[in-house]
Amino acid sequence: MKIFYFLIFIFIYSQTQAHECVLKGTSAKDITIYNTCKADAKNKKPINNDLNNTLLKAKIKKLKNENNNLKNQLLDIKIRLNSLLARVNSYIN
């Protein structure tokens, strides 16, 4: 499933980065072509915006789950360290 999300992300990224406007000269014609290209690129909306949002929501959900798991692991370590500290203190006293 991760590969599927990765491939969709690559596809979306390649679509948005496929066309770049390059100024090829300093003539009025070249500048007009360049400005037209920039204006067209600015007016285009991102392709598959809903799909991108879905992928981001899935990634956020996965990261939240991972964050909760890590918090639980830290809490477990804290409890174990406190228990160990209590045992050491009992031997010292």
N, C-alpha and C. Protein backbone atom coordinates (compact mmCIF):
# COMPACT_ATOMS: atom_id res chain seq x y z
N MET A 1 0.83 -1.19 0.00
CA MET A 1 0.00 0.00 0.00
C MET A 1 0.88 1.26 0.00
N LYS A 2 2.01 1.17 0.72
CA LYS A 2 2.92 2.32 0.75
C LYS A 2 3.46 2.63 -0.64
N ILE A 3 3.73 1.57 -1.38
CA ILE A 3 4.24 1.77 -2.74
C ILE A 3 3.20 2.47 -3.60
N PHE A 4 1.95 2.10 -3.41
CA PHE A 4 0.86 2.72 -4.17
C PHE A 4 0.81 4.22 -3.89
N TYR A 5 0.86 4.61 -2.61
CA TYR A 5 0.86 6.03 -2.26
C TYR A 5 2.09 6.74 -2.83
N PHE A 6 3.22 6.07 -2.77
CA PHE A 6 4.46 6.66 -3.28
C PHE A 6 4.35 6.90 -4.79
N LEU A 7 3.82 5.93 -5.51
CA LEU A 7 3.69 6.08 -6.96
C LEU A 7 2.72 7.20 -7.33
N ILE A 8 1.64 7.31 -6.58
CA ILE A 8 0.69 8.40 -6.85
C ILE A 8 1.34 9.74 -6.58
N PHE A 9 2.10 9.83 -5.49
CA PHE A 9 2.80 11.07 -5.17
C PHE A 9 3.78 11.44 -6.28
N ILE A 10 4.54 10.48 -6.76
CA ILE A 10 5.50 10.73 -7.85
C ILE A 10 4.75 11.19 -9.10
N PHE A 11 3.63 10.56 -9.41
CA PHE A 11 2.85 10.94 -10.59
C PHE A 11 2.36 12.37 -10.47
N ILE A 12 1.82 12.73 -9.31
CA ILE A 12 1.31 14.09 -9.10
C ILE A 12 2.46 15.10 -9.19
N TYR A 13 3.58 14.78 -8.57
CA TYR A 13 4.72 15.68 -8.58
C TYR A 13 5.26 15.87 -9.99
N SER A 14 5.32 14.79 -10.76
CA SER A 14 5.84 14.91 -12.12
C SER A 14 4.90 15.73 -13.00
N GLN A 15 3.59 15.64 -12.74
CA GLN A 15 2.63 16.43 -13.52
C GLN A 15 2.80 17.92 -13.23
N THR A 16 3.05 18.28 -11.97
CA THR A 16 3.15 19.68 -11.63
C THR A 16 4.49 20.28 -12.03
N GLN A 17 5.51 19.45 -12.12
CA GLN A 17 6.84 19.95 -12.45
C GLN A 17 7.23 19.69 -13.91
N ALA A 18 6.31 19.22 -14.72
CA ALA A 18 6.63 18.81 -16.08
C ALA A 18 6.94 19.98 -16.99
N HIS A 19 6.37 21.14 -16.75
CA HIS A 19 6.54 22.25 -17.68
C HIS A 19 7.13 23.44 -16.94
N GLU A 20 8.23 23.94 -17.45
CA GLU A 20 8.85 25.13 -16.88
C GLU A 20 9.00 26.17 -17.97
N CYS A 21 8.81 27.41 -17.60
CA CYS A 21 8.98 28.51 -18.55
C CYS A 21 10.43 28.96 -18.51
N VAL A 22 11.04 29.04 -19.68
CA VAL A 22 12.44 29.44 -19.78
C VAL A 22 12.54 30.60 -20.77
N LEU A 23 13.19 31.66 -20.34
CA LEU A 23 13.42 32.81 -21.21
C LEU A 23 14.59 32.46 -22.12
N LYS A 24 14.32 32.39 -23.43
CA LYS A 24 15.33 31.93 -24.38
C LYS A 24 16.13 33.06 -25.02
N GLY A 25 15.67 34.28 -24.87
CA GLY A 25 16.37 35.39 -25.48
C GLY A 25 15.90 36.70 -24.90
N THR A 26 16.42 37.80 -25.47
CA THR A 26 16.06 39.11 -24.95
C THR A 26 15.18 39.91 -25.91
N SER A 27 14.73 39.25 -26.97
CA SER A 27 13.87 39.96 -27.93
C SER A 27 12.47 40.11 -27.35
N ALA A 28 11.72 41.02 -27.93
CA ALA A 28 10.36 41.27 -27.45
C ALA A 28 9.50 40.03 -27.62
N LYS A 29 9.70 39.29 -28.69
CA LYS A 29 8.94 38.08 -28.95
C LYS A 29 9.21 37.03 -27.87
N ASP A 30 10.50 36.82 -27.54
CA ASP A 30 10.86 35.84 -26.52
C ASP A 30 10.32 36.23 -25.15
N ILE A 31 10.37 37.50 -24.83
CA ILE A 31 9.86 37.98 -23.54
C ILE A 31 8.35 37.80 -23.47
N THR A 32 7.66 38.07 -24.58
CA THR A 32 6.21 37.89 -24.62
C THR A 32 5.84 36.41 -24.45
N ILE A 33 6.55 35.54 -25.10
CA ILE A 33 6.30 34.10 -24.96
C ILE A 33 6.54 33.67 -23.51
N TYR A 34 7.62 34.15 -22.93
CA TYR A 34 7.95 33.81 -21.55
C TYR A 34 6.86 34.31 -20.59
N ASN A 35 6.43 35.56 -20.76
CA ASN A 35 5.39 36.12 -19.88
C ASN A 35 4.06 35.38 -20.04
N THR A 36 3.72 35.01 -21.26
CA THR A 36 2.50 34.25 -21.50
C THR A 36 2.57 32.89 -20.81
N CYS A 37 3.72 32.27 -20.91
CA CYS A 37 3.92 30.97 -20.28
C CYS A 37 3.76 31.08 -18.76
N LYS A 38 4.38 32.10 -18.17
CA LYS A 38 4.29 32.30 -16.72
C LYS A 38 2.85 32.57 -16.30
N ALA A 39 2.13 33.37 -17.08
CA ALA A 39 0.74 33.67 -16.75
C ALA A 39 -0.12 32.41 -16.84
N ASP A 40 0.11 31.59 -17.87
CA ASP A 40 -0.64 30.34 -18.00
C ASP A 40 -0.34 29.39 -16.85
N ALA A 41 0.92 29.31 -16.47
CA ALA A 41 1.31 28.42 -15.37
C ALA A 41 0.71 28.90 -14.05
N LYS A 42 0.59 30.19 -13.89
CA LYS A 42 0.05 30.75 -12.65
C LYS A 42 -1.46 30.49 -12.56
N ASN A 43 -2.15 30.49 -13.69
CA ASN A 43 -3.60 30.31 -13.71
C ASN A 43 -4.02 28.85 -13.57
N LYS A 44 -3.12 27.93 -13.87
CA LYS A 44 -3.46 26.51 -13.77
C LYS A 44 -3.57 26.12 -12.30
N LYS A 45 -4.59 25.34 -12.00
CA LYS A 45 -4.78 24.85 -10.64
C LYS A 45 -4.11 23.49 -10.52
N PRO A 46 -3.70 23.11 -9.31
CA PRO A 46 -3.07 21.80 -9.14
C PRO A 46 -3.99 20.66 -9.57
N ILE A 47 -3.42 19.69 -10.23
CA ILE A 47 -4.16 18.53 -10.70
C ILE A 47 -4.34 17.57 -9.52
N ASN A 48 -5.52 16.97 -9.41
CA ASN A 48 -5.83 15.98 -8.39
C ASN A 48 -5.61 16.51 -6.98
N ASN A 49 -6.10 17.69 -6.70
CA ASN A 49 -5.95 18.29 -5.38
C ASN A 49 -6.63 17.43 -4.32
N ASP A 50 -7.78 16.84 -4.66
CA ASP A 50 -8.48 15.97 -3.71
C ASP A 50 -7.66 14.74 -3.38
N LEU A 51 -7.02 14.18 -4.38
CA LEU A 51 -6.18 13.01 -4.17
C LEU A 51 -5.00 13.36 -3.28
N ASN A 52 -4.40 14.53 -3.51
CA ASN A 52 -3.28 14.97 -2.69
C ASN A 52 -3.72 15.15 -1.25
N ASN A 53 -4.89 15.74 -1.03
CA ASN A 53 -5.40 15.92 0.32
C ASN A 53 -5.66 14.58 0.99
N THR A 54 -6.17 13.62 0.24
CA THR A 54 -6.42 12.29 0.79
C THR A 54 -5.12 11.63 1.22
N LEU A 55 -4.10 11.76 0.38
CA LEU A 55 -2.79 11.19 0.73
C LEU A 55 -2.22 11.86 1.98
N LEU A 56 -2.36 13.18 2.06
CA LEU A 56 -1.84 13.89 3.23
C LEU A 56 -2.60 13.51 4.49
N LYS A 57 -3.91 13.34 4.39
CA LYS A 57 -4.70 12.93 5.56
C LYS A 57 -4.29 11.54 6.02
N ALA A 58 -4.06 10.64 5.08
CA ALA A 58 -3.61 9.28 5.44
C ALA A 58 -2.25 9.33 6.12
N LYS A 59 -1.37 10.17 5.61
CA LYS A 59 -0.03 10.30 6.20
C LYS A 59 -0.13 10.89 7.61
N ILE A 60 -0.99 11.89 7.79
CA ILE A 60 -1.17 12.51 9.12
C ILE A 60 -1.72 11.48 10.10
N LYS A 61 -2.69 10.68 9.66
CA LYS A 61 -3.27 9.65 10.53
C LYS A 61 -2.20 8.64 10.95
N LYS A 62 -1.38 8.23 10.00
CA LYS A 62 -0.30 7.28 10.28
C LYS A 62 0.69 7.89 11.27
N LEU A 63 1.05 9.15 11.09
CA LEU A 63 2.00 9.80 11.98
C LEU A 63 1.42 9.98 13.38
N LYS A 64 0.12 10.26 13.48
CA LYS A 64 -0.52 10.39 14.79
C LYS A 64 -0.50 9.05 15.53
N ASN A 65 -0.77 7.97 14.81
CA ASN A 65 -0.71 6.64 15.43
C ASN A 65 0.70 6.33 15.90
N GLU A 66 1.68 6.65 15.06
CA GLU A 66 3.07 6.42 15.44
C GLU A 66 3.45 7.26 16.65
N ASN A 67 2.97 8.50 16.68
CA ASN A 67 3.25 9.39 17.81
C ASN A 67 2.66 8.82 19.11
N ASN A 68 1.43 8.32 19.04
CA ASN A 68 0.81 7.71 20.23
C ASN A 68 1.58 6.48 20.70
N ASN A 69 2.04 5.66 19.75
CA ASN A 69 2.83 4.48 20.11
C ASN A 69 4.13 4.89 20.79
N LEU A 70 4.78 5.90 20.28
CA LEU A 70 6.04 6.37 20.88
C LEU A 70 5.80 6.96 22.27
N LYS A 71 4.70 7.67 22.45
CA LYS A 71 4.36 8.20 23.77
C LYS A 71 4.15 7.07 24.77
N ASN A 72 3.46 6.02 24.34
CA ASN A 72 3.23 4.87 25.21
C ASN A 72 4.54 4.17 25.57
N GLN A 73 5.44 4.06 24.60
CA GLN A 73 6.74 3.45 24.87
C GLN A 73 7.54 4.29 25.87
N LEU A 74 7.49 5.62 25.72
CA LEU A 74 8.20 6.49 26.66
C LEU A 74 7.60 6.38 28.06
N LEU A 75 6.30 6.28 28.14
CA LEU A 75 5.65 6.13 29.44
C LEU A 75 6.06 4.81 30.09
N ASP A 76 6.13 3.75 29.30
CA ASP A 76 6.57 2.45 29.80
C ASP A 76 8.01 2.52 30.31
N ILE A 77 8.87 3.18 29.57
CA ILE A 77 10.27 3.33 30.00
C ILE A 77 10.34 4.14 31.28
N LYS A 78 9.54 5.17 31.38
CA LYS A 78 9.53 6.01 32.58
C LYS A 78 9.12 5.18 33.80
N ILE A 79 8.09 4.36 33.65
CA ILE A 79 7.62 3.51 34.75
C ILE A 79 8.71 2.52 35.15
N ARG A 80 9.37 1.92 34.17
CA ARG A 80 10.44 0.96 34.46
C ARG A 80 11.62 1.63 35.16
N LEU A 81 11.97 2.83 34.71
CA LEU A 81 13.09 3.54 35.35
C LEU A 81 12.74 3.94 36.78
N ASN A 82 11.51 4.37 37.00
CA ASN A 82 11.09 4.71 38.36
C ASN A 82 11.12 3.48 39.26
N SER A 83 10.70 2.35 38.73
CA SER A 83 10.74 1.10 39.48
C SER A 83 12.19 0.71 39.81
N LEU A 84 13.05 0.84 38.83
CA LEU A 84 14.47 0.53 39.03
C LEU A 84 15.08 1.48 40.06
N LEU A 85 14.75 2.76 39.98
CA LEU A 85 15.25 3.74 40.93
C LEU A 85 14.77 3.42 42.35
N ALA A 86 13.53 2.99 42.47
CA ALA A 86 13.00 2.62 43.78
C ALA A 86 13.76 1.43 44.36
N ARG A 87 14.08 0.44 43.52
CA ARG A 87 14.85 -0.73 43.99
C ARG A 87 16.25 -0.31 44.43
N VAL A 88 16.90 0.54 43.64
CA VAL A 88 18.24 1.00 44.00
C VAL A 88 18.20 1.78 45.30
N ASN A 89 17.21 2.64 45.47
CA ASN A 89 17.09 3.42 46.71
C ASN A 89 16.83 2.52 47.90
N SER A 90 16.09 1.41 47.71
CA SER A 90 15.83 0.51 48.83
C SER A 90 17.10 -0.20 49.27
N TYR A 91 18.01 -0.48 48.35
CA TYR A 91 19.27 -1.12 48.71
C TYR A 91 20.22 -0.12 49.37
N ILE A 92 20.17 1.12 48.93
CA ILE A 92 21.05 2.14 49.50
C ILE A 92 20.63 2.46 50.93
N ASN A 93 19.35 2.58 51.15
CA ASN A 93 18.85 2.94 52.49
C ASN A 93 18.78 1.71 53.30
